[in-house]
């Protein structure tokens, strides 16, 4: 899944010269589970601030913070 997608886009990913980004990708590629992948790659994920003016932000503290932000189970009860 995730590793295959990363390898399919390797030519583009390889062009990123930032050491922090490359380190996170290397750690993610060495992970065994999706949870480990998320923990390794969470600091480089792109996200939007949920509060106006919806500013662009980079990174999460860890994989759990990413999953909490990406999960809609907390908002469904209000729809």
PDB file of N, CA and C in Angstrom:
ATOM      1  N   UNK A   1       0.775  -1.176   0.000  1.00  0.00           N
ATOM      2  CA  UNK A   1       0.000   0.000   0.000  1.00  0.00           C
ATOM      3  C   UNK A   1       0.836   1.267   0.000  1.00  0.00           C
ATOM      4  N   UNK A   2       1.137   1.726   1.181  1.00  0.00           N
ATOM      5  CA  UNK A   2       1.798   3.028   1.338  1.00  0.00           C
ATOM      6  C   UNK A   2       3.226   3.002   0.784  1.00  0.00           C
ATOM      7  N   UNK A   3       3.950   1.942   1.059  1.00  0.00           N
ATOM      8  CA  UNK A   3       5.329   1.850   0.550  1.00  0.00           C
ATOM      9  C   UNK A   3       5.348   1.745  -0.962  1.00  0.00           C
ATOM     10  N   UNK A   4       4.394   1.006  -1.527  1.00  0.00           N
ATOM     11  CA  UNK A   4       4.315   0.879  -2.986  1.00  0.00           C
ATOM     12  C   UNK A   4       4.048   2.245  -3.609  1.00  0.00           C
ATOM     13  N   UNK A   5       3.129   3.003  -3.038  1.00  0.00           N
ATOM     14  CA  UNK A   5       2.823   4.337  -3.537  1.00  0.00           C
ATOM     15  C   UNK A   5       4.040   5.249  -3.441  1.00  0.00           C
ATOM     16  N   UNK A   6       4.772   5.144  -2.344  1.00  0.00           N
ATOM     17  CA  UNK A   6       5.985   5.947  -2.179  1.00  0.00           C
ATOM     18  C   UNK A   6       7.021   5.596  -3.241  1.00  0.00           C
ATOM     19  N   UNK A   7       7.204   4.309  -3.478  1.00  0.00           N
ATOM     20  CA  UNK A   7       8.182   3.882  -4.480  1.00  0.00           C
ATOM     21  C   UNK A   7       7.765   4.269  -5.891  1.00  0.00           C
ATOM     22  N   UNK A   8       6.463   4.274  -6.176  1.00  0.00           N
ATOM     23  CA  UNK A   8       5.985   4.705  -7.492  1.00  0.00           C
ATOM     24  C   UNK A   8       6.282   6.182  -7.738  1.00  0.00           C
ATOM     25  N   UNK A   9       6.349   6.962  -6.673  1.00  0.00           N
ATOM     26  CA  UNK A   9       6.621   8.403  -6.787  1.00  0.00           C
ATOM     27  C   UNK A   9       8.036   8.756  -6.348  1.00  0.00           C
ATOM     28  N   UNK A  10       8.917   7.782  -6.313  1.00  0.00           N
ATOM     29  CA  UNK A  10      10.262   7.972  -5.793  1.00  0.00           C
ATOM     30  C   UNK A  10      11.048   9.041  -6.554  1.00  0.00           C
ATOM     31  N   UNK A  11      10.858   9.129  -7.874  1.00  0.00           N
ATOM     32  CA  UNK A  11      11.619  10.118  -8.651  1.00  0.00           C
ATOM     33  C   UNK A  11      11.308  11.542  -8.189  1.00  0.00           C
ATOM     34  N   UNK A  12      10.073  11.801  -7.811  1.00  0.00           N
ATOM     35  CA  UNK A  12       9.701  13.130  -7.310  1.00  0.00           C
ATOM     36  C   UNK A  12      10.153  13.318  -5.865  1.00  0.00           C
ATOM     37  N   UNK A  13       9.962  12.306  -5.048  1.00  0.00           N
ATOM     38  CA  UNK A  13      10.337  12.390  -3.634  1.00  0.00           C
ATOM     39  C   UNK A  13      11.834  12.601  -3.486  1.00  0.00           C
ATOM     40  N   UNK A  14      12.608  11.961  -4.341  1.00  0.00           N
ATOM     41  CA  UNK A  14      14.068  12.050  -4.280  1.00  0.00           C
ATOM     42  C   UNK A  14      14.568  13.473  -4.537  1.00  0.00           C
ATOM     43  N   UNK A  15      13.781  14.274  -5.233  1.00  0.00           N
ATOM     44  CA  UNK A  15      14.190  15.644  -5.556  1.00  0.00           C
ATOM     45  C   UNK A  15      14.095  16.592  -4.367  1.00  0.00           C
ATOM     46  N   UNK A  16      13.391  16.190  -3.314  1.00  0.00           N
ATOM     47  CA  UNK A  16      13.297  17.025  -2.117  1.00  0.00           C
ATOM     48  C   UNK A  16      14.647  16.997  -1.400  1.00  0.00           C
ATOM     49  N   UNK A  17      15.233  18.134  -1.183  1.00  0.00           N
ATOM     50  CA  UNK A  17      16.579  18.209  -0.627  1.00  0.00           C
ATOM     51  C   UNK A  17      16.626  18.459   0.878  1.00  0.00           C
ATOM     52  N   UNK A  18      15.496  18.674   1.494  1.00  0.00           N
ATOM     53  CA  UNK A  18      15.462  18.960   2.922  1.00  0.00           C
ATOM     54  C   UNK A  18      15.847  17.716   3.729  1.00  0.00           C
ATOM     55  N   UNK A  19      16.820  17.846   4.611  1.00  0.00           N
ATOM     56  CA  UNK A  19      17.329  16.711   5.408  1.00  0.00           C
ATOM     57  C   UNK A  19      16.242  16.140   6.326  1.00  0.00           C
ATOM     58  N   UNK A  20      15.421  17.016   6.909  1.00  0.00           N
ATOM     59  CA  UNK A  20      14.340  16.576   7.797  1.00  0.00           C
ATOM     60  C   UNK A  20      13.344  15.709   7.018  1.00  0.00           C
ATOM     61  N   UNK A  21      12.987  16.147   5.820  1.00  0.00           N
ATOM     62  CA  UNK A  21      12.053  15.402   4.972  1.00  0.00           C
ATOM     63  C   UNK A  21      12.637  14.049   4.579  1.00  0.00           C
ATOM     64  N   UNK A  22      13.879  14.030   4.121  1.00  0.00           N
ATOM     65  CA  UNK A  22      14.516  12.786   3.713  1.00  0.00           C
ATOM     66  C   UNK A  22      14.652  11.808   4.880  1.00  0.00           C
ATOM     67  N   UNK A  23      14.966  12.320   6.056  1.00  0.00           N
ATOM     68  CA  UNK A  23      15.080  11.469   7.239  1.00  0.00           C
ATOM     69  C   UNK A  23      13.737  10.833   7.585  1.00  0.00           C
ATOM     70  N   UNK A  24      12.661  11.610   7.517  1.00  0.00           N
ATOM     71  CA  UNK A  24      11.334  11.085   7.814  1.00  0.00           C
ATOM     72  C   UNK A  24      10.929  10.019   6.796  1.00  0.00           C
ATOM     73  N   UNK A  25      11.221  10.239   5.523  1.00  0.00           N
ATOM     74  CA  UNK A  25      10.886   9.251   4.494  1.00  0.00           C
ATOM     75  C   UNK A  25      11.689   7.974   4.710  1.00  0.00           C
ATOM     76  N   UNK A  26      12.966   8.112   5.041  1.00  0.00           N
ATOM     77  CA  UNK A  26      13.790   6.921   5.300  1.00  0.00           C
ATOM     78  C   UNK A  26      13.234   6.106   6.476  1.00  0.00           C
ATOM     79  N   UNK A  27      12.877   6.788   7.557  1.00  0.00           N
ATOM     80  CA  UNK A  27      12.304   6.098   8.717  1.00  0.00           C
ATOM     81  C   UNK A  27      10.984   5.427   8.352  1.00  0.00           C
ATOM     82  N   UNK A  28      10.174   6.107   7.562  1.00  0.00           N
ATOM     83  CA  UNK A  28       8.884   5.548   7.163  1.00  0.00           C
ATOM     84  C   UNK A  28       9.067   4.311   6.290  1.00  0.00           C
ATOM     85  N   UNK A  29      10.037   4.342   5.385  1.00  0.00           N
ATOM     86  CA  UNK A  29      10.268   3.196   4.509  1.00  0.00           C
ATOM     87  C   UNK A  29      10.802   1.988   5.289  1.00  0.00           C
ATOM     88  N   UNK A  30      11.397   2.210   6.431  1.00  0.00           N
ATOM     89  CA  UNK A  30      11.911   1.109   7.257  1.00  0.00           C
ATOM     90  C   UNK A  30      10.870   0.592   8.245  1.00  0.00           C
ATOM     91  N   UNK A  31       9.692   1.177   8.255  1.00  0.00           N
ATOM     92  CA  UNK A  31       8.659   0.752   9.192  1.00  0.00           C
ATOM     93  C   UNK A  31       8.011  -0.559   8.742  1.00  0.00           C
ATOM     94  N   UNK A  32       7.459  -1.283   9.701  1.00  0.00           N
ATOM     95  CA  UNK A  32       6.819  -2.563   9.411  1.00  0.00           C
ATOM     96  C   UNK A  32       5.301  -2.476   9.374  1.00  0.00           C
ATOM     97  N   UNK A  33       4.733  -1.509  10.087  1.00  0.00           N
ATOM     98  CA  UNK A  33       3.276  -1.393  10.140  1.00  0.00           C
ATOM     99  C   UNK A  33       2.848   0.003   9.692  1.00  0.00           C
ATOM    100  N   UNK A  34       1.569   0.147   9.405  1.00  0.00           N
ATOM    101  CA  UNK A  34       1.044   1.447   9.011  1.00  0.00           C
ATOM    102  C   UNK A  34       1.146   2.448  10.156  1.00  0.00           C
ATOM    103  N   UNK A  35       0.974   1.979  11.377  1.00  0.00           N
ATOM    104  CA  UNK A  35       1.117   2.861  12.539  1.00  0.00           C
ATOM    105  C   UNK A  35       2.526   3.404  12.670  1.00  0.00           C
ATOM    106  N   UNK A  36       3.515   2.555  12.446  1.00  0.00           N
ATOM    107  CA  UNK A  36       4.910   3.013  12.476  1.00  0.00           C
ATOM    108  C   UNK A  36       5.171   3.988  11.336  1.00  0.00           C
ATOM    109  N   UNK A  37       4.584   3.723  10.184  1.00  0.00           N
ATOM    110  CA  UNK A  37       4.720   4.625   9.037  1.00  0.00           C
ATOM    111  C   UNK A  37       4.182   6.015   9.416  1.00  0.00           C
ATOM    112  N   UNK A  38       2.989   6.060   9.992  1.00  0.00           N
ATOM    113  CA  UNK A  38       2.388   7.339  10.376  1.00  0.00           C
ATOM    114  C   UNK A  38       3.228   8.069  11.412  1.00  0.00           C
ATOM    115  N   UNK A  39       3.765   7.350  12.389  1.00  0.00           N
ATOM    116  CA  UNK A  39       4.609   7.996  13.393  1.00  0.00           C
ATOM    117  C   UNK A  39       5.871   8.585  12.770  1.00  0.00           C
ATOM    118  N   UNK A  40       6.435   7.899  11.784  1.00  0.00           N
ATOM    119  CA  UNK A  40       7.660   8.383  11.148  1.00  0.00           C
ATOM    120  C   UNK A  40       7.388   9.552  10.206  1.00  0.00           C
ATOM    121  N   UNK A  41       6.273   9.486   9.478  1.00  0.00           N
ATOM    122  CA  UNK A  41       6.002  10.498   8.450  1.00  0.00           C
ATOM    123  C   UNK A  41       5.138  11.658   8.938  1.00  0.00           C
ATOM    124  N   UNK A  42       4.519  11.556  10.103  1.00  0.00           N
ATOM    125  CA  UNK A  42       3.630  12.605  10.595  1.00  0.00           C
ATOM    126  C   UNK A  42       4.282  13.993  10.642  1.00  0.00           C
ATOM    127  N   UNK A  43       5.552  14.120  11.005  1.00  0.00           N
ATOM    128  CA  UNK A  43       6.143  15.468  11.040  1.00  0.00           C
ATOM    129  C   UNK A  43       6.234  16.163   9.675  1.00  0.00           C
ATOM    130  N   UNK A  44       6.077  15.435   8.577  1.00  0.00           N
ATOM    131  CA  UNK A  44       6.169  16.076   7.254  1.00  0.00           C
ATOM    132  C   UNK A  44       4.830  16.138   6.538  1.00  0.00           C
ATOM    133  N   UNK A  45       3.750  15.628   7.154  1.00  0.00           N
ATOM    134  CA  UNK A  45       2.437  15.694   6.528  1.00  0.00           C
ATOM    135  C   UNK A  45       1.964  17.139   6.443  1.00  0.00           C
ATOM    136  N   UNK A  46       1.258  17.462   5.380  1.00  0.00           N
ATOM    137  CA  UNK A  46       0.699  18.795   5.183  1.00  0.00           C
ATOM    138  C   UNK A  46      -0.697  18.816   5.780  1.00  0.00           C
ATOM    139  N   UNK A  47      -1.019  19.904   6.460  1.00  0.00           N
ATOM    140  CA  UNK A  47      -2.354  20.031   7.044  1.00  0.00           C
ATOM    141  C   UNK A  47      -2.799  21.488   6.991  1.00  0.00           C
ATOM    142  N   UNK A  48      -4.080  21.684   7.144  1.00  0.00           N
ATOM    143  CA  UNK A  48      -4.654  23.021   7.226  1.00  0.00           C
ATOM    144  C   UNK A  48      -5.070  23.281   8.660  1.00  0.00           C
ATOM    145  N   UNK A  49      -4.884  24.490   9.095  1.00  0.00           N
ATOM    146  CA  UNK A  49      -5.331  24.874  10.425  1.00  0.00           C
ATOM    147  C   UNK A  49      -6.859  24.832  10.439  1.00  0.00           C
ATOM    148  N   UNK A  50      -7.485  24.171  11.405  1.00  0.00           N
ATOM    149  CA  UNK A  50      -8.943  24.039  11.401  1.00  0.00           C
ATOM    150  C   UNK A  50      -9.689  25.318  11.781  1.00  0.00           C
ATOM    151  N   UNK A  51      -8.969  26.343  12.190  1.00  0.00           N
ATOM    152  CA  UNK A  51      -9.591  27.600  12.612  1.00  0.00           C
ATOM    153  C   UNK A  51      -9.263  28.686  11.588  1.00  0.00           C
ATOM    154  N   UNK A  52     -10.236  29.541  11.306  1.00  0.00           N
ATOM    155  CA  UNK A  52     -10.028  30.635  10.366  1.00  0.00           C
ATOM    156  C   UNK A  52      -8.772  31.400  10.747  1.00  0.00           C
ATOM    157  N   UNK A  53      -7.902  31.722   9.837  1.00  0.00           N
ATOM    158  CA  UNK A  53      -7.972  31.800   8.376  1.00  0.00           C
ATOM    159  C   UNK A  53      -7.492  30.531   7.663  1.00  0.00           C
ATOM    160  N   UNK A  54      -7.553  29.372   8.293  1.00  0.00           N
ATOM    161  CA  UNK A  54      -7.218  28.093   7.673  1.00  0.00           C
ATOM    162  C   UNK A  54      -5.822  28.102   7.060  1.00  0.00           C
ATOM    163  N   UNK A  55      -4.872  28.539   7.835  1.00  0.00           N
ATOM    164  CA  UNK A  55      -3.491  28.682   7.379  1.00  0.00           C
ATOM    165  C   UNK A  55      -2.858  27.321   7.095  1.00  0.00           C
ATOM    166  N   UNK A  56      -1.920  27.321   6.169  1.00  0.00           N
ATOM    167  CA  UNK A  56      -1.156  26.127   5.812  1.00  0.00           C
ATOM    168  C   UNK A  56      -0.166  25.827   6.929  1.00  0.00           C
ATOM    169  N   UNK A  57      -0.105  24.568   7.340  1.00  0.00           N
ATOM    170  CA  UNK A  57       0.840  24.157   8.368  1.00  0.00           C
ATOM    171  C   UNK A  57       1.472  22.844   7.955  1.00  0.00           C
ATOM    172  N   UNK A  58       2.649  22.594   8.466  1.00  0.00           N
ATOM    173  CA  UNK A  58       3.344  21.350   8.156  1.00  0.00           C
ATOM    174  C   UNK A  58       3.572  20.585   9.445  1.00  0.00           C
ATOM    175  N   UNK A  59       3.239  19.296   9.408  1.00  0.00           N
ATOM    176  CA  UNK A  59       3.612  18.391  10.467  1.00  0.00           C
ATOM    177  C   UNK A  59       2.635  18.217  11.603  1.00  0.00           C
ATOM    178  N   UNK A  60       2.688  17.022  12.149  1.00  0.00           N
ATOM    179  CA  UNK A  60       1.962  16.645  13.350  1.00  0.00           C
ATOM    180  C   UNK A  60       2.991  16.172  14.377  1.00  0.00           C
ATOM    181  N   UNK A  61       2.591  16.162  15.625  1.00  0.00           N
ATOM    182  CA  UNK A  61       3.501  15.718  16.674  1.00  0.00           C
ATOM    183  C   UNK A  61       3.844  14.243  16.510  1.00  0.00           C
ATOM    184  N   UNK A  62       2.825  13.429  16.198  1.00  0.00           N
ATOM    185  CA  UNK A  62       3.028  11.985  16.008  1.00  0.00           C
ATOM    186  C   UNK A  62       1.872  11.425  15.184  1.00  0.00           C
ATOM    187  N   UNK A  63       1.887  10.114  14.986  1.00  0.00           N
ATOM    188  CA  UNK A  63       0.848   9.466  14.209  1.00  0.00           C
ATOM    189  C   UNK A  63      -0.527   9.573  14.830  1.00  0.00           C
ATOM    190  N   UNK A  64      -0.595   9.560  16.154  1.00  0.00           N
ATOM    191  CA  UNK A  64      -1.889   9.668  16.837  1.00  0.00           C
ATOM    192  C   UNK A  64      -2.524  11.034  16.586  1.00  0.00           C
ATOM    193  N   UNK A  65      -1.730  12.093  16.620  1.00  0.00           N
ATOM    194  CA  UNK A  65      -2.255  13.429  16.342  1.00  0.00           C
ATOM    195  C   UNK A  65      -2.774  13.516  14.907  1.00  0.00           C
ATOM    196  N   UNK A  66      -2.075  12.864  13.988  1.00  0.00           N
ATOM    197  CA  UNK A  66      -2.528  12.826  12.593  1.00  0.00           C
ATOM    198  C   UNK A  66      -3.873  12.118  12.478  1.00  0.00           C
ATOM    199  N   UNK A  67      -3.991  10.945  13.108  1.00  0.00           N
ATOM    200  CA  UNK A  67      -5.239  10.183  13.027  1.00  0.00           C
ATOM    201  C   UNK A  67      -6.384  10.929  13.697  1.00  0.00           C
ATOM    202  N   UNK A  68      -6.137  11.606  14.801  1.00  0.00           N
ATOM    203  CA  UNK A  68      -7.197  12.379  15.456  1.00  0.00           C
ATOM    204  C   UNK A  68      -7.674  13.515  14.574  1.00  0.00           C
ATOM    205  N   UNK A  69      -6.764  14.158  13.865  1.00  0.00           N
ATOM    206  CA  UNK A  69      -7.136  15.259  12.977  1.00  0.00           C
ATOM    207  C   UNK A  69      -7.847  14.734  11.729  1.00  0.00           C
ATOM    208  N   UNK A  70      -7.438  13.587  11.238  1.00  0.00           N
ATOM    209  CA  UNK A  70      -7.994  13.044  10.005  1.00  0.00           C
ATOM    210  C   UNK A  70      -9.310  12.303  10.223  1.00  0.00           C
ATOM    211  N   UNK A  71      -9.611  11.933  11.449  1.00  0.00           N
ATOM    212  CA  UNK A  71     -10.821  11.159  11.730  1.00  0.00           C
ATOM    213  C   UNK A  71     -12.033  12.066  11.820  1.00  0.00           C
ATOM    214  N   UNK A  72     -13.122  11.632  11.224  1.00  0.00           N
ATOM    215  CA  UNK A  72     -14.340  12.431  11.259  1.00  0.00           C
ATOM    216  C   UNK A  72     -15.323  11.939  12.311  1.00  0.00           C
ATOM    217  N   UNK A  73     -14.968  10.890  13.062  1.00  0.00           N
ATOM    218  CA  UNK A  73     -15.901  10.349  14.036  1.00  0.00           C
ATOM    219  C   UNK A  73     -16.305  11.380  15.081  1.00  0.00           C
ATOM    220  N   UNK A  74     -15.442  12.360  15.342  1.00  0.00           N
ATOM    221  CA  UNK A  74     -15.742  13.378  16.345  1.00  0.00           C
ATOM    222  C   UNK A  74     -16.750  14.388  15.817  1.00  0.00           C
ATOM    223  N   UNK A  75     -16.864  14.533  14.484  1.00  0.00           N
ATOM    224  CA  UNK A  75     -17.728  15.554  13.898  1.00  0.00           C
ATOM    225  C   UNK A  75     -19.042  15.000  13.380  1.00  0.00           C
ATOM    226  N   UNK A  76     -19.158  13.720  13.166  1.00  0.00           N
ATOM    227  CA  UNK A  76     -20.358  13.150  12.564  1.00  0.00           C
ATOM    228  C   UNK A  76     -21.604  13.404  13.399  1.00  0.00           C
ATOM    229  N   UNK A  77     -21.478  13.372  14.693  1.00  0.00           N
ATOM    230  CA  UNK A  77     -22.663  13.568  15.540  1.00  0.00           C
ATOM    231  C   UNK A  77     -23.279  14.956  15.376  1.00  0.00           C
ATOM    232  N   UNK A  78     -22.525  15.928  14.842  1.00  0.00           N
ATOM    233  CA  UNK A  78     -23.042  17.283  14.668  1.00  0.00           C
ATOM    234  C   UNK A  78     -23.653  17.519  13.289  1.00  0.00           C
ATOM    235  N   UNK A  79     -23.539  16.530  12.405  1.00  0.00           N
ATOM    236  CA  UNK A  79     -24.054  16.712  11.035  1.00  0.00           C
ATOM    237  C   UNK A  79     -25.509  16.342  10.991  1.00  0.00           C
TER     238      UNK A  79
END
